[in-house]
C-alpha cells in the first residue's frame, strides 16, 4: 500500500497543511489512512484529537529514529494509505522515512529561499535512491499561493525547476483561510460549514484536485512498475 512522505528541510513550507489535506480528503472518500506524525510540533496529532476527524484516520506520533521504519512497515500492512509528516530538518529519521516512500511530496512557497531548501530535499531523495538501489518518485508542490495572482518570482522559480528536470505537481495548494481553520476547529474542510464558515467551495475544490493528482501519480507509478 502506498506510503506518501511530506518532506522539507525548511519549516513553514506548508508540509503539515498539505499532508493533512491529502489524508482528510482520501479518508472522506472512504479510504483508511494512517498518519504518522513525525513532526515534533505534533500539529496533526492535535488536529486529529478534535471533533470531526474522519473515523478511518489513525494517527501515530510516538515515533523515533529507532522505530520509524518498523512503524511505517506495520502501518502499510494495515491501511491502504500511509501519510507521513516529517520534521522540518534533514535528519536520519527523515532519510529512513524517505527510503520507504512510494512518493515524496516536497512543499515549497514561491521564494528563492524555499527553492533552495526544496533542492536540498530532492538531493536527499536522490541519495536515498542510491543507498536503497530503488527508484523513489517525488513531486514538488507549490503551497500558500494565490489563486488569482501568479507573482513573477513564482513563475521564474517554476521555470528554473522545470529546466533542471524537477517534477512539479500541476495543482497548487492555495492560501485559504479554510485550511488554517481546520487546525482550529478540527475535521475536514467540508466539515467547517458547521462552524459557520462560508464560501468553502473553492477551498474544497482545491483540496480535492490536490488529492486526486497525488492518487493519479501513484497509479501511474504502479502501472509503470508493473510494465517494467
Protein backbone atom coordinates (compact mmCIF):
# COMPACT_ATOMS: atom_id res chain seq x y z
CA UNK A 1 0.00 0.00 0.00
CA UNK A 2 1.37 3.45 -0.85
CA UNK A 3 3.38 5.46 1.62
CA UNK A 4 3.35 9.20 0.92
CA UNK A 5 6.00 11.26 2.67
CA UNK A 6 5.78 15.04 3.05
CA UNK A 7 9.30 16.37 3.48
CA UNK A 8 11.05 19.72 3.59
CA UNK A 9 14.23 20.79 5.38
CA UNK A 10 12.58 24.15 5.96
CA UNK A 11 9.84 24.77 8.50
CA UNK A 12 6.78 26.71 7.39
CA UNK A 13 6.75 25.40 3.84
CA UNK A 14 3.19 24.07 4.15
CA UNK A 15 4.16 20.47 4.82
CA UNK A 16 1.72 19.79 7.67
CA UNK A 17 -1.18 21.55 5.95
CA UNK A 18 -0.73 19.66 2.68
CA UNK A 19 -0.30 16.31 4.46
CA UNK A 20 -3.49 16.89 6.46
CA UNK A 21 -5.45 18.00 3.40
CA UNK A 22 -4.44 14.92 1.45
CA UNK A 23 -5.15 12.49 4.28
CA UNK A 24 -8.52 14.02 5.15
CA UNK A 25 -9.66 14.11 1.52
CA UNK A 26 -8.91 10.48 0.74
CA UNK A 27 -10.37 9.45 4.10
CA UNK A 28 -13.55 11.37 3.21
CA UNK A 29 -13.73 9.23 0.07
CA UNK A 30 -13.72 6.07 2.17
CA UNK A 31 -10.06 5.01 2.26
CA UNK A 32 -8.48 4.07 5.58
CA UNK A 33 -5.43 6.20 6.31
CA UNK A 34 -2.66 6.07 8.88
CA UNK A 35 -0.95 9.39 9.51
CA UNK A 36 2.48 9.16 11.08
CA UNK A 37 3.07 12.49 12.76
CA UNK A 38 6.86 12.63 12.99
CA UNK A 39 6.96 16.42 13.32
CA UNK A 40 7.95 17.43 16.88
CA UNK A 41 5.25 20.12 16.81
CA UNK A 42 2.57 17.37 16.65
CA UNK A 43 0.11 19.66 14.87
CA UNK A 44 -1.60 16.78 13.06
CA UNK A 45 -1.97 14.86 16.31
CA UNK A 46 -3.73 17.86 17.86
CA UNK A 47 -5.92 18.25 14.77
CA UNK A 48 -6.93 14.58 14.87
CA UNK A 49 -7.86 14.84 18.56
CA UNK A 50 -10.50 17.48 17.82
CA UNK A 51 -14.02 16.60 16.78
CA UNK A 52 -14.76 15.90 13.15
CA UNK A 53 -11.70 13.88 12.25
CA UNK A 54 -12.80 11.02 9.96
CA UNK A 55 -13.15 7.72 11.83
CA UNK A 56 -11.00 5.93 9.24
CA UNK A 57 -7.92 8.03 10.08
CA UNK A 58 -5.43 6.61 12.58
CA UNK A 59 -2.74 8.92 13.88
CA UNK A 60 0.58 7.72 15.28
CA UNK A 61 3.00 10.15 16.89
CA UNK A 62 5.28 8.22 19.22
CA UNK A 63 7.94 7.55 16.61
CA UNK A 64 11.69 7.84 16.92
CA UNK A 65 14.72 7.38 14.74
CA UNK A 66 14.93 3.80 16.01
CA UNK A 67 11.27 2.90 15.42
CA UNK A 68 10.21 4.88 12.33
CA UNK A 69 10.88 2.12 9.80
CA UNK A 70 9.04 -0.53 11.81
CA UNK A 71 6.08 1.82 12.32
CA UNK A 72 5.88 2.56 8.59
CA UNK A 73 6.01 -1.10 7.62
CA UNK A 74 3.36 -2.08 10.17
CA UNK A 75 1.06 0.77 9.10
CA UNK A 76 1.49 -0.15 5.43
CA UNK A 77 0.33 -3.66 6.20
CA UNK A 78 -2.82 -2.43 7.95
CA UNK A 79 -4.16 0.52 5.93
CA UNK A 80 -4.35 1.35 2.20
CA UNK A 81 -2.62 4.71 2.65
CA UNK A 82 0.17 5.84 4.95
CA UNK A 83 0.86 9.58 5.14
CA UNK A 84 3.98 10.80 6.92
CA UNK A 85 4.54 14.36 8.11
CA UNK A 86 8.25 14.70 8.82
CA UNK A 87 10.18 17.18 10.91
CA UNK A 88 11.42 20.27 9.10
CA UNK A 89 15.06 19.27 9.00
CA UNK A 90 17.38 16.82 7.29
CA UNK A 91 17.82 14.02 9.83
CA UNK A 92 18.40 10.29 9.97
CA UNK A 93 14.70 9.75 10.69
CA UNK A 94 13.78 11.79 7.60
CA UNK A 95 16.18 9.71 5.50
CA UNK A 96 14.72 6.46 6.84
CA UNK A 97 11.16 7.54 6.03
CA UNK A 98 12.11 8.64 2.51
CA UNK A 99 13.82 5.32 1.89
CA UNK A 100 10.43 3.56 2.32
CA UNK A 101 8.34 6.11 0.42
CA UNK A 102 6.29 5.35 -2.67
CA UNK A 103 6.03 9.09 -3.26
CA UNK A 104 7.74 12.06 -1.64
CA UNK A 105 5.92 15.40 -1.73
CA UNK A 106 8.22 18.41 -1.30
CA UNK A 107 6.22 21.55 -0.47
CA UNK A 108 7.65 25.00 -1.07
CA UNK A 109 6.42 28.54 -1.23
CA UNK A 110 7.28 30.73 -4.19
CA UNK A 111 10.53 32.16 -2.88
CA UNK A 112 14.19 31.68 -3.70
CA UNK A 113 14.93 30.55 -0.14
CA UNK A 114 12.25 27.85 -0.32
CA UNK A 115 13.51 26.74 -3.72
CA UNK A 116 16.99 26.22 -2.27
CA UNK A 117 15.57 24.09 0.53
CA UNK A 118 13.50 22.10 -1.97
CA UNK A 119 16.70 21.38 -3.87
CA UNK A 120 18.18 20.00 -0.64
CA UNK A 121 15.15 17.74 -0.21
CA UNK A 122 15.45 16.47 -3.78
CA UNK A 123 19.12 15.71 -3.21
CA UNK A 124 18.18 13.74 -0.09
CA UNK A 125 15.69 11.71 -2.14
CA UNK A 126 18.36 11.01 -4.76
CA UNK A 127 20.86 9.96 -2.09
CA UNK A 128 18.32 7.54 -0.62
CA UNK A 129 17.73 6.14 -4.09
CA UNK A 130 21.43 5.35 -4.33
CA UNK A 131 21.52 3.89 -0.82
CA UNK A 132 18.47 1.64 -1.31
CA UNK A 133 19.01 0.95 -5.02
CA UNK A 134 15.36 1.69 -5.75
CA UNK A 135 13.55 4.49 -7.55
CA UNK A 136 11.84 6.91 -5.16
CA UNK A 137 9.36 9.14 -7.01
CA UNK A 138 8.92 12.71 -5.82
CA UNK A 139 6.94 15.80 -6.74
CA UNK A 140 7.43 19.42 -5.78
CA UNK A 141 4.27 21.13 -4.53
CA UNK A 142 3.81 24.90 -4.52
CA UNK A 143 1.92 25.94 -1.39
CA UNK A 144 0.27 29.07 0.01
CA UNK A 145 -0.02 30.56 -3.44
CA UNK A 146 -2.67 32.98 -4.64
CA UNK A 147 -5.47 31.58 -6.82
CA UNK A 148 -5.83 34.95 -8.50
CA UNK A 149 -2.28 36.25 -8.99
CA UNK A 150 0.89 34.46 -10.05
CA UNK A 151 3.91 36.56 -8.99
CA UNK A 152 6.84 36.85 -11.37
CA UNK A 153 9.09 35.27 -8.78
CA UNK A 154 6.93 32.15 -8.67
CA UNK A 155 6.86 31.93 -12.47
CA UNK A 156 10.64 32.27 -12.59
CA UNK A 157 11.26 29.65 -9.89
CA UNK A 158 8.92 27.17 -11.56
CA UNK A 159 10.64 27.69 -14.93
CA UNK A 160 14.07 27.19 -13.37
CA UNK A 161 12.99 23.99 -11.64
CA UNK A 162 11.46 22.63 -14.83
CA UNK A 163 14.66 23.47 -16.70
CA UNK A 164 16.52 21.25 -14.22
CA UNK A 165 14.07 18.41 -14.82
CA UNK A 166 12.35 18.75 -11.46
CA UNK A 167 8.90 17.16 -11.44
CA UNK A 168 6.20 19.53 -10.17
CA UNK A 169 2.56 18.92 -9.33
CA UNK A 170 0.22 20.87 -11.54
CA UNK A 171 -2.08 21.54 -8.60
CA UNK A 172 -1.03 24.16 -6.07
CA UNK A 173 -2.30 24.34 -2.51
CA UNK A 174 -3.66 27.86 -2.36
CA UNK A 175 -3.53 30.17 0.64
CA UNK A 176 -7.02 29.63 2.07
CA UNK A 177 -8.45 30.66 5.43
CA UNK A 178 -10.30 27.32 5.48
CA UNK A 179 -7.01 25.42 5.64
CA UNK A 180 -5.95 27.37 8.72
CA UNK A 181 -9.40 26.91 10.24
CA UNK A 182 -9.07 23.13 10.02
CA UNK A 183 -6.45 23.22 12.75
CA UNK A 184 -8.58 25.47 14.93
CA UNK A 185 -11.84 23.53 14.68
CA UNK A 186 -10.69 20.09 13.59
CA UNK A 187 -12.25 17.88 10.95
CA UNK A 188 -12.24 18.25 7.18
CA UNK A 189 -12.60 21.32 5.01
CA UNK A 190 -16.14 20.21 4.16
CA UNK A 191 -16.99 19.94 7.85
CA UNK A 192 -16.18 23.59 8.53
CA UNK A 193 -19.69 24.60 7.49
CA UNK A 194 -20.96 23.56 10.94
CA UNK A 195 -18.64 26.15 12.47
CA UNK A 196 -20.15 28.97 10.47
CA UNK A 197 -17.50 29.23 7.75
CA UNK A 198 -18.95 30.09 4.36
CA UNK A 199 -17.82 30.13 0.73
CA UNK A 200 -15.88 26.90 1.19
CA UNK A 201 -16.40 25.75 -2.39
CA UNK A 202 -13.06 26.96 -3.80
CA UNK A 203 -11.10 25.51 -0.87
CA UNK A 204 -12.90 22.16 -1.19
CA UNK A 205 -12.28 22.03 -4.95
CA UNK A 206 -8.60 22.85 -4.46
CA UNK A 207 -8.15 20.16 -1.80
CA UNK A 208 -9.92 17.55 -3.92
CA UNK A 209 -7.85 18.40 -7.01
CA UNK A 210 -4.68 18.16 -4.96
CA UNK A 211 -5.60 14.75 -3.53
CA UNK A 212 -6.74 13.47 -6.92
CA UNK A 213 -3.46 14.42 -8.57
CA UNK A 214 -1.42 12.60 -5.95
CA UNK A 215 -3.57 9.48 -6.39
CA UNK A 216 -3.12 9.75 -10.17
CA UNK A 217 0.66 9.96 -9.77
CA UNK A 218 0.62 6.87 -7.55
CA UNK A 219 -1.50 4.93 -10.05
CA UNK A 220 0.76 5.92 -12.94
CA UNK A 221 3.79 4.84 -10.94
CA UNK A 222 2.16 1.49 -10.14
CA UNK A 223 1.39 0.90 -13.84
CA UNK A 224 4.96 1.81 -14.81
CA UNK A 225 6.38 -0.63 -12.26
CA UNK A 226 4.04 -3.39 -13.48
CA UNK A 227 5.10 -2.87 -17.09
CA UNK A 228 8.78 -2.81 -16.12
